[in-house]
């Protein structure tokens, strides 16, 4: 398709080179002779928001940028060029210390600050993440990015939500700096950082922030051209959309991403694992939308895909799926369909030792607890939640939906064995 000469003009190319997507939107709007109000109405926001979008260099709402750019006709390749990171420069990368002693003490000071921040709990740490999302900090250079990203994923797998949030601003900063190389691997890592941020924000119930980070993950995945990064980013965005009640949009997004993976031929275990994971998420999304037949069919297909994988999940795999993990998803699928009995039956043979991470072992407890609670069995609900808490306290304490069950247990069944212990543990100061 031919590109309008407008977008090959010096002004447009300069705006893209200067990493100013707002300026491109302004060029397109004026070219169409639209007022701020006209564009605002077309993309569902206020004229003042469009004005800020066009004037600012920092992006607060990536989804809105995409909608506005599409409306005014900015070609996709030019928009993506404007969203790429600036080239790394010595000035931006260099930190000046007052003395050699300051330089030596800086890592110790950083560790002390991170420990203090982690002790403050997830809620307090969201402010620091907000700052990093609004204005990317200067690079921290706290170690090799690949190793730090693996460490961050380990914190997620351990349910160490506060420590993960404390580390996230520095990880975002260094991932952005690394992506300045323009290498697809570095761009994919930046996408992975934003996907991880979305995952932890979803757990904490911070869906607006999760939508922002999921949008950024998708953009960087597209820039990198990496299929696994694209799948991970699409999955996180679909989960956010589902949480926001946009079941149709979530289903379409997941279906498209799953089809793209299947079309790749699934030639490696990594892509097959991604495919099985996407099918699980697609099944749960269909279940939440009330599409029973589709949800059950996708669950069965995920089981078939997972059976093609090795029994032991390799360390560091982006999509850590196994037959047991699919069965755990089946528990959630049946629960979402309103069939607590089928959910309990699906999970009756699952044991904590079937899952390699604390997060998944705790998820077994919380998912079974939801089913027992729907079945009106407070004793079994309490035992399952206590098991989850022992595996990973954060999975009970930090997830709003699970804390709600704990609160209801304390209000309605205060004399049930273990309820008082559970309520005290789950509502302790963060």
Protein backbone atom coordinates (compact mmCIF):
# COMPACT_ATOMS: atom_id res chain seq x y z
CA UNK A 1 0.00 0.00 0.00
CA UNK A 2 1.52 3.39 -0.99
CA UNK A 3 2.39 5.79 1.80
CA UNK A 4 0.98 9.34 1.74
CA UNK A 5 3.84 11.74 0.77
CA UNK A 6 3.03 13.61 3.99
CA UNK A 7 4.79 10.90 6.00
CA UNK A 8 7.94 11.09 3.88
CA UNK A 9 8.21 14.84 4.43
CA UNK A 10 11.14 16.29 6.32
CA UNK A 11 8.86 17.40 9.16
CA UNK A 12 7.33 13.96 9.71
CA UNK A 13 10.63 12.09 9.40
CA UNK A 14 12.27 14.53 11.79
CA UNK A 15 9.48 14.02 14.35
CA UNK A 16 9.91 10.24 14.11
CA UNK A 17 13.70 10.52 14.42
CA UNK A 18 13.28 12.75 17.49
CA UNK A 19 11.05 10.10 19.13
CA UNK A 20 8.01 12.41 19.20
CA UNK A 21 4.88 10.36 18.42
CA UNK A 22 2.72 13.24 19.64
CA UNK A 23 4.18 15.49 16.96
CA UNK A 24 3.26 12.91 14.32
CA UNK A 25 -0.32 12.88 15.62
CA UNK A 26 -0.38 16.67 15.42
CA UNK A 27 0.88 16.57 11.82
CA UNK A 28 -1.79 14.05 10.85
CA UNK A 29 -4.58 15.95 12.62
CA UNK A 30 -3.71 19.25 10.95
CA UNK A 31 -3.38 17.53 7.59
CA UNK A 32 -7.00 16.43 7.97
CA UNK A 33 -8.02 19.90 9.14
CA UNK A 34 -9.44 18.42 12.35
CA UNK A 35 -9.77 20.35 15.57
CA UNK A 36 -8.68 18.91 18.89
CA UNK A 37 -12.34 18.26 19.66
CA UNK A 38 -12.87 16.25 16.47
CA UNK A 39 -9.96 13.90 17.15
CA UNK A 40 -10.89 13.68 20.84
CA UNK A 41 -14.39 12.53 19.94
CA UNK A 42 -13.07 9.92 17.52
CA UNK A 43 -10.72 8.32 20.07
CA UNK A 44 -12.90 8.75 23.14
CA UNK A 45 -11.15 11.34 25.29
CA UNK A 46 -11.16 15.09 25.97
CA UNK A 47 -9.62 17.79 23.74
CA UNK A 48 -7.26 18.66 26.59
CA UNK A 49 -5.99 15.07 26.63
CA UNK A 50 -5.30 15.20 22.88
CA UNK A 51 -3.44 18.48 23.37
CA UNK A 52 -1.23 16.93 26.06
CA UNK A 53 -0.70 13.86 23.90
CA UNK A 54 0.59 16.01 21.04
CA UNK A 55 2.82 18.22 23.17
CA UNK A 56 4.49 15.79 25.56
CA UNK A 57 7.43 13.55 24.82
CA UNK A 58 6.76 11.17 27.73
CA UNK A 59 4.01 8.64 26.96
CA UNK A 60 1.46 8.04 29.70
CA UNK A 61 -1.10 6.03 27.70
CA UNK A 62 0.37 3.96 24.89
CA UNK A 63 -3.03 2.59 23.85
CA UNK A 64 -4.30 6.14 23.31
CA UNK A 65 -1.23 6.97 21.21
CA UNK A 66 -1.95 3.97 18.99
CA UNK A 67 -5.62 4.92 18.57
CA UNK A 68 -4.86 8.55 17.78
CA UNK A 69 -2.09 7.64 15.33
CA UNK A 70 -4.37 5.20 13.53
CA UNK A 71 -7.14 7.79 13.27
CA UNK A 72 -4.90 10.42 11.68
CA UNK A 73 -3.19 7.90 9.39
CA UNK A 74 0.32 7.66 10.79
CA UNK A 75 1.89 4.63 9.04
CA UNK A 76 2.70 1.83 11.45
CA UNK A 77 6.42 1.67 10.65
CA UNK A 78 6.80 5.40 11.24
CA UNK A 79 4.90 5.27 14.53
CA UNK A 80 7.05 2.37 15.74
CA UNK A 81 10.19 4.30 14.80
CA UNK A 82 8.99 7.22 16.93
CA UNK A 83 8.41 4.86 19.88
CA UNK A 84 11.88 3.33 19.73
CA UNK A 85 14.38 4.35 22.43
CA UNK A 86 16.93 7.08 21.64
CA UNK A 87 20.44 5.89 20.81
CA UNK A 88 22.60 5.34 23.85
CA UNK A 89 24.92 8.26 24.56
CA UNK A 90 27.76 8.66 26.98
CA UNK A 91 26.07 11.66 28.57
CA UNK A 92 22.86 9.82 29.36
CA UNK A 93 24.64 6.75 30.57
CA UNK A 94 27.28 8.29 32.82
CA UNK A 95 26.77 8.91 36.51
CA UNK A 96 29.23 11.27 38.19
CA UNK A 97 30.22 10.52 41.76
CA UNK A 98 31.77 13.04 44.11
CA UNK A 99 34.57 10.72 45.18
CA UNK A 100 35.91 7.20 44.87
CA UNK A 101 34.37 6.45 48.29
CA UNK A 102 30.95 7.52 47.00
CA UNK A 103 31.36 5.21 44.03
CA UNK A 104 32.31 2.29 46.29
CA UNK A 105 29.43 2.91 48.68
CA UNK A 106 26.81 3.36 45.96
CA UNK A 107 25.95 -0.37 45.54
CA UNK A 108 25.64 -0.72 49.32
CA UNK A 109 23.40 2.34 49.48
CA UNK A 110 21.30 0.97 46.64
CA UNK A 111 20.86 -2.37 48.42
CA UNK A 112 19.90 -0.59 51.64
CA UNK A 113 17.32 1.55 49.89
CA UNK A 114 15.85 -1.45 48.09
CA UNK A 115 15.58 -3.38 51.33
CA UNK A 116 13.85 -0.46 53.03
CA UNK A 117 11.49 -0.04 50.09
CA UNK A 118 10.61 -3.73 50.07
CA UNK A 119 9.78 -3.57 53.77
CA UNK A 120 7.23 -0.85 53.01
CA UNK A 121 5.02 -3.36 51.17
CA UNK A 122 3.46 -3.48 47.69
CA UNK A 123 1.01 -0.60 48.12
CA UNK A 124 3.71 1.92 49.04
CA UNK A 125 6.01 0.70 46.26
CA UNK A 126 3.46 1.44 43.54
CA UNK A 127 4.43 5.13 43.77
CA UNK A 128 7.99 4.32 42.74
CA UNK A 129 6.75 2.27 39.82
CA UNK A 130 4.40 5.09 38.80
CA UNK A 131 7.38 7.45 38.66
CA UNK A 132 9.35 5.01 36.50
CA UNK A 133 6.41 4.61 34.10
CA UNK A 134 5.88 8.36 33.81
CA UNK A 135 9.55 9.23 33.27
CA UNK A 136 12.09 6.46 32.66
CA UNK A 137 14.88 6.81 35.26
CA UNK A 138 18.57 7.02 34.42
CA UNK A 139 20.24 3.62 34.01
CA UNK A 140 21.20 1.91 37.28
CA UNK A 141 23.72 -0.54 35.81
CA UNK A 142 23.33 -2.88 38.77
CA UNK A 143 24.51 -5.96 36.87
CA UNK A 144 23.90 -7.95 33.67
CA UNK A 145 20.33 -7.38 32.52
CA UNK A 146 19.67 -11.01 31.61
CA UNK A 147 20.65 -12.16 35.09
CA UNK A 148 18.58 -9.44 36.77
CA UNK A 149 15.51 -10.27 34.68
CA UNK A 150 15.88 -13.92 35.68
CA UNK A 151 16.17 -12.80 39.29
CA UNK A 152 13.02 -10.70 38.95
CA UNK A 153 11.13 -13.65 37.53
CA UNK A 154 12.35 -15.75 40.45
CA UNK A 155 10.92 -13.16 42.86
CA UNK A 156 7.59 -13.45 41.05
CA UNK A 157 7.72 -17.25 41.26
CA UNK A 158 8.45 -17.00 44.99
CA UNK A 159 5.55 -14.62 45.60
CA UNK A 160 7.97 -11.90 46.76
CA UNK A 161 5.80 -9.10 45.43
CA UNK A 162 7.25 -6.24 47.49
CA UNK A 163 10.84 -7.08 46.57
CA UNK A 164 9.88 -7.39 42.91
CA UNK A 165 8.15 -4.00 42.90
CA UNK A 166 11.16 -2.44 44.62
CA UNK A 167 13.46 -3.76 41.88
CA UNK A 168 11.17 -2.94 38.96
CA UNK A 169 12.02 0.79 38.40
CA UNK A 170 15.73 0.01 38.06
CA UNK A 171 15.00 -2.93 35.79
CA UNK A 172 12.81 -0.76 33.55
CA UNK A 173 15.52 1.89 33.39
CA UNK A 174 18.28 -0.53 32.42
CA UNK A 175 16.10 -2.43 29.96
CA UNK A 176 15.27 0.83 28.17
CA UNK A 177 18.95 1.74 28.09
CA UNK A 178 19.85 -1.67 26.65
CA UNK A 179 17.11 -1.42 24.01
CA UNK A 180 18.97 1.58 22.64
CA UNK A 181 21.23 -0.95 20.92
CA UNK A 182 18.36 -1.59 18.46
CA UNK A 183 19.06 -5.32 18.76
CA UNK A 184 15.91 -7.42 18.69
CA UNK A 185 17.09 -9.42 21.73
CA UNK A 186 17.39 -6.26 23.85
CA UNK A 187 14.04 -4.98 22.60
CA UNK A 188 12.44 -8.35 23.45
CA UNK A 189 13.93 -8.16 26.95
CA UNK A 190 12.37 -4.73 27.43
CA UNK A 191 9.04 -6.21 26.37
CA UNK A 192 9.59 -9.04 28.87
CA UNK A 193 10.24 -6.52 31.65
CA UNK A 194 6.96 -4.76 30.92
CA UNK A 195 5.13 -8.12 30.72
CA UNK A 196 6.49 -9.02 34.14
CA UNK A 197 5.38 -5.64 35.47
CA UNK A 198 1.90 -6.32 34.13
CA UNK A 199 1.80 -9.74 35.77
CA UNK A 200 2.59 -8.41 39.24
CA UNK A 201 0.24 -5.44 38.84
CA UNK A 202 -2.60 -7.79 37.86
CA UNK A 203 -2.00 -9.80 41.03
CA UNK A 204 -2.24 -6.64 43.10
CA UNK A 205 -5.47 -5.61 41.37
CA UNK A 206 -3.89 -2.48 39.85
CA UNK A 207 -5.50 -2.93 36.45
CA UNK A 208 -5.04 0.59 35.06
CA UNK A 209 -1.29 0.39 35.61
CA UNK A 210 -1.26 -3.15 34.24
CA UNK A 211 -3.00 -1.95 31.08
CA UNK A 212 -0.27 0.64 30.55
CA UNK A 213 2.59 -1.81 31.03
CA UNK A 214 0.89 -4.47 28.90
CA UNK A 215 0.49 -1.96 26.07
CA UNK A 216 4.17 -1.10 26.28
CA UNK A 217 5.09 -4.78 26.33
CA UNK A 218 3.13 -5.31 23.09
CA UNK A 219 4.75 -2.33 21.39
CA UNK A 220 8.28 -3.48 22.21
CA UNK A 221 7.44 -7.04 21.23
CA UNK A 222 6.29 -5.77 17.84
CA UNK A 223 9.44 -3.73 17.44
CA UNK A 224 11.61 -6.73 18.33
CA UNK A 225 9.75 -9.09 15.99
CA UNK A 226 10.14 -11.88 18.56
CA UNK A 227 7.19 -14.36 18.56
CA UNK A 228 7.55 -15.47 22.20
CA UNK A 229 7.73 -11.89 23.46
CA UNK A 230 4.64 -11.07 21.37
CA UNK A 231 2.77 -14.03 22.85
CA UNK A 232 3.68 -13.09 26.42
CA UNK A 233 2.66 -9.47 25.90
CA UNK A 234 -0.63 -10.39 24.23
CA UNK A 235 -1.43 -12.74 27.11
CA UNK A 236 -0.88 -10.07 29.77
CA UNK A 237 -2.97 -7.54 27.87
CA UNK A 238 -5.78 -10.07 27.40
CA UNK A 239 -5.79 -10.76 31.14
CA UNK A 240 -6.06 -7.04 31.87
CA UNK A 241 -8.90 -6.66 29.37
CA UNK A 242 -10.69 -9.59 30.98
CA UNK A 243 -10.27 -8.05 34.43
CA UNK A 244 -11.73 -4.81 33.09
CA UNK A 245 -14.80 -6.65 31.80
CA UNK A 246 -13.81 -6.51 28.12
CA UNK A 247 -14.22 -10.24 27.54
CA UNK A 248 -14.84 -9.99 23.80
CA UNK A 249 -11.71 -7.92 23.18
CA UNK A 250 -9.65 -10.26 25.37
CA UNK A 251 -10.96 -13.29 23.51
CA UNK A 252 -10.19 -11.80 20.09
CA UNK A 253 -6.70 -10.80 21.14
CA UNK A 254 -5.90 -14.22 22.58
CA UNK A 255 -7.37 -16.06 19.58
CA UNK A 256 -5.25 -14.02 17.18
CA UNK A 257 -2.07 -14.49 19.22
CA UNK A 258 -2.68 -18.23 19.58
CA UNK A 259 -3.30 -18.58 15.84
CA UNK A 260 -0.04 -16.75 15.14
CA UNK A 261 1.86 -19.20 17.34
CA UNK A 262 0.21 -22.22 15.74
CA UNK A 263 1.05 -20.86 12.28
CA UNK A 264 4.74 -20.79 13.26
CA UNK A 265 4.74 -24.60 13.16
CA UNK A 266 5.49 -25.15 16.87
CA UNK A 267 8.92 -26.49 15.93
CA UNK A 268 10.48 -26.11 19.38
CA UNK A 269 9.49 -27.03 22.92
CA UNK A 270 9.53 -23.32 23.80
CA UNK A 271 6.91 -22.43 21.18
CA UNK A 272 4.84 -25.51 22.03
CA UNK A 273 4.88 -24.47 25.70
CA UNK A 274 3.82 -20.97 24.69
CA UNK A 275 1.00 -22.43 22.60
CA UNK A 276 -0.24 -24.61 25.48
CA UNK A 277 -0.11 -21.63 27.86
CA UNK A 278 -2.04 -19.44 25.43
CA UNK A 279 -4.70 -22.12 25.08
CA UNK A 280 -5.06 -22.24 28.88
CA UNK A 281 -5.51 -18.49 29.08
CA UNK A 282 -7.90 -18.60 26.12
CA UNK A 283 -9.95 -21.31 27.88
CA UNK A 284 -10.20 -19.30 31.10
CA UNK A 285 -11.08 -16.15 29.16
CA UNK A 286 -13.87 -18.03 27.34
CA UNK A 287 -15.10 -19.39 30.67
CA UNK A 288 -15.30 -15.93 32.20
CA UNK A 289 -17.33 -14.85 29.17
CA UNK A 290 -19.72 -17.80 29.70
CA UNK A 291 -18.68 -19.71 26.57
CA UNK A 292 -18.72 -23.18 28.08
CA UNK A 293 -18.15 -25.39 25.05
CA UNK A 294 -15.28 -23.25 23.80
CA UNK A 295 -13.65 -23.12 27.23
CA UNK A 296 -13.73 -26.88 27.67
CA UNK A 297 -12.53 -27.54 24.13
CA UNK A 298 -9.55 -25.19 24.60
CA UNK A 299 -8.68 -26.89 27.90
CA UNK A 300 -8.62 -30.29 26.18
CA UNK A 301 -6.47 -28.91 23.38
CA UNK A 302 -4.05 -27.45 25.93
CA UNK A 303 -3.74 -30.88 27.56
CA UNK A 304 -2.83 -32.40 24.20
CA UNK A 305 -0.18 -29.75 23.59
CA UNK A 306 1.29 -30.09 27.10
CA UNK A 307 1.68 -33.87 26.66
CA UNK A 308 4.18 -33.18 23.88
CA UNK A 309 6.49 -31.38 26.34
CA UNK A 310 9.23 -32.92 28.53
CA UNK A 311 8.02 -33.90 32.02
CA UNK A 312 10.52 -31.56 33.73
CA UNK A 313 10.20 -27.87 32.87
CA UNK A 314 13.61 -26.41 31.92
CA UNK A 315 14.77 -23.65 34.25
CA UNK A 316 14.23 -20.17 32.84
CA UNK A 317 11.54 -21.14 30.33
CA UNK A 318 9.26 -18.16 29.66
CA UNK A 319 6.10 -20.32 29.56
CA UNK A 320 6.43 -22.90 32.34
CA UNK A 321 3.56 -25.20 31.42
CA UNK A 322 3.05 -28.89 32.20
CA UNK A 323 0.12 -31.35 32.26
CA UNK A 324 -0.36 -30.57 35.96
CA UNK A 325 -0.41 -26.85 35.19
CA UNK A 326 -3.14 -27.43 32.59
CA UNK A 327 -5.18 -29.37 35.16
CA UNK A 328 -4.82 -26.44 37.54
CA UNK A 329 -6.16 -24.15 34.83
CA UNK A 330 -9.07 -26.58 34.45
CA UNK A 331 -9.93 -25.95 38.10
CA UNK A 332 -10.22 -22.26 37.32
CA UNK A 333 -12.15 -22.86 34.11
CA UNK A 334 -14.83 -24.94 35.86
CA UNK A 335 -15.00 -22.43 38.72
CA UNK A 336 -15.47 -19.57 36.24
CA UNK A 337 -18.25 -21.55 34.55
CA UNK A 338 -20.02 -21.81 37.91
CA UNK A 339 -19.45 -25.55 38.38
CA UNK A 340 -17.64 -25.83 41.71
CA UNK A 341 -18.10 -29.61 41.80
CA UNK A 342 -16.31 -30.06 38.47
CA UNK A 343 -13.58 -27.67 39.63
CA UNK A 344 -12.95 -29.73 42.76
CA UNK A 345 -12.94 -32.94 40.69
CA UNK A 346 -10.42 -31.44 38.24
CA UNK A 347 -8.03 -30.62 41.10
CA UNK A 348 -8.54 -33.65 43.34
CA UNK A 349 -5.33 -35.39 42.24
CA UNK A 350 -3.13 -32.28 42.15
CA UNK A 351 -0.46 -31.96 44.83
CA UNK A 352 1.99 -29.14 45.69
CA UNK A 353 4.93 -31.29 44.59
CA UNK A 354 3.55 -31.24 41.04
CA UNK A 355 4.53 -27.57 40.75
CA UNK A 356 8.10 -26.25 40.69
CA UNK A 357 7.47 -22.75 42.10
CA UNK A 358 5.99 -21.36 45.30
CA UNK A 359 3.67 -19.15 43.26
CA UNK A 360 2.10 -22.16 41.50
CA UNK A 361 1.92 -24.21 44.70
CA UNK A 362 0.09 -21.34 46.38
CA UNK A 363 -2.12 -20.93 43.32
CA UNK A 364 -3.20 -24.54 43.75
CA UNK A 365 -4.38 -23.63 47.25
CA UNK A 366 -6.17 -20.43 46.27
CA UNK A 367 -7.89 -21.96 43.24
CA UNK A 368 -9.12 -24.93 45.24
CA UNK A 369 -10.20 -22.54 47.99
CA UNK A 370 -12.34 -20.59 45.55
CA UNK A 371 -14.03 -23.81 44.48
CA UNK A 372 -14.57 -24.96 48.07
CA UNK A 373 -15.97 -21.52 48.96
CA UNK A 374 -18.38 -21.65 46.03
CA UNK A 375 -19.36 -25.15 47.29
CA UNK A 376 -20.06 -23.56 50.69
CA UNK A 377 -17.44 -25.54 52.58
CA UNK A 378 -15.72 -23.10 55.00
CA UNK A 379 -13.52 -25.72 56.68
CA UNK A 380 -12.02 -26.93 53.40
CA UNK A 381 -11.73 -23.34 52.14
CA UNK A 382 -9.75 -22.38 55.23
CA UNK A 383 -7.42 -25.37 54.97
CA UNK A 384 -6.72 -24.65 51.29
CA UNK A 385 -5.97 -20.99 52.00
CA UNK A 386 -3.67 -21.87 54.89
CA UNK A 387 -1.81 -24.24 52.56
CA UNK A 388 -1.52 -21.42 50.03
CA UNK A 389 -0.28 -19.00 52.68
CA UNK A 390 2.40 -21.43 53.84
CA UNK A 391 3.59 -21.86 50.25
CA UNK A 392 3.65 -18.12 49.49
CA UNK A 393 2.14 -15.55 51.87
CA UNK A 394 1.91 -12.92 49.14
CA UNK A 395 -0.48 -15.02 47.08
CA UNK A 396 -3.05 -14.75 49.89
CA UNK A 397 -2.13 -11.40 51.40
CA UNK A 398 -1.66 -9.32 48.24
CA UNK A 399 -4.47 -10.53 45.96
CA UNK A 400 -7.69 -8.55 46.55
CA UNK A 401 -10.04 -11.37 45.48
CA UNK A 402 -8.42 -13.84 47.88
CA UNK A 403 -8.33 -11.34 50.75
CA UNK A 404 -12.06 -10.85 50.16
CA UNK A 405 -12.69 -14.57 50.77
CA UNK A 406 -10.59 -14.39 53.94
CA UNK A 407 -12.65 -11.43 55.16
CA UNK A 408 -15.91 -13.23 54.42
CA UNK A 409 -14.68 -16.31 56.26
CA UNK A 410 -13.84 -14.22 59.32
CA UNK A 411 -17.22 -12.48 59.24
CA UNK A 412 -19.42 -15.50 58.58
CA UNK A 413 -17.46 -18.39 60.13
CA UNK A 414 -15.28 -16.89 62.87
CA UNK A 415 -15.31 -20.10 64.95
CA UNK A 416 -14.19 -22.40 62.16
CA UNK A 417 -10.80 -23.94 62.94
CA UNK A 418 -7.96 -21.92 61.41
CA UNK A 419 -10.03 -18.90 60.35
CA UNK A 420 -8.65 -16.60 63.04
CA UNK A 421 -5.08 -17.64 62.23
CA UNK A 422 -5.70 -17.14 58.52
CA UNK A 423 -7.33 -13.73 58.95
CA UNK A 424 -4.52 -12.46 61.16
CA UNK A 425 -1.87 -13.63 58.70
CA UNK A 426 -3.61 -12.33 55.59
CA UNK A 427 -4.45 -8.89 56.97
CA UNK A 428 -1.21 -8.14 58.77
CA UNK A 429 0.38 -4.79 57.97
CA UNK A 430 2.11 -4.82 54.63
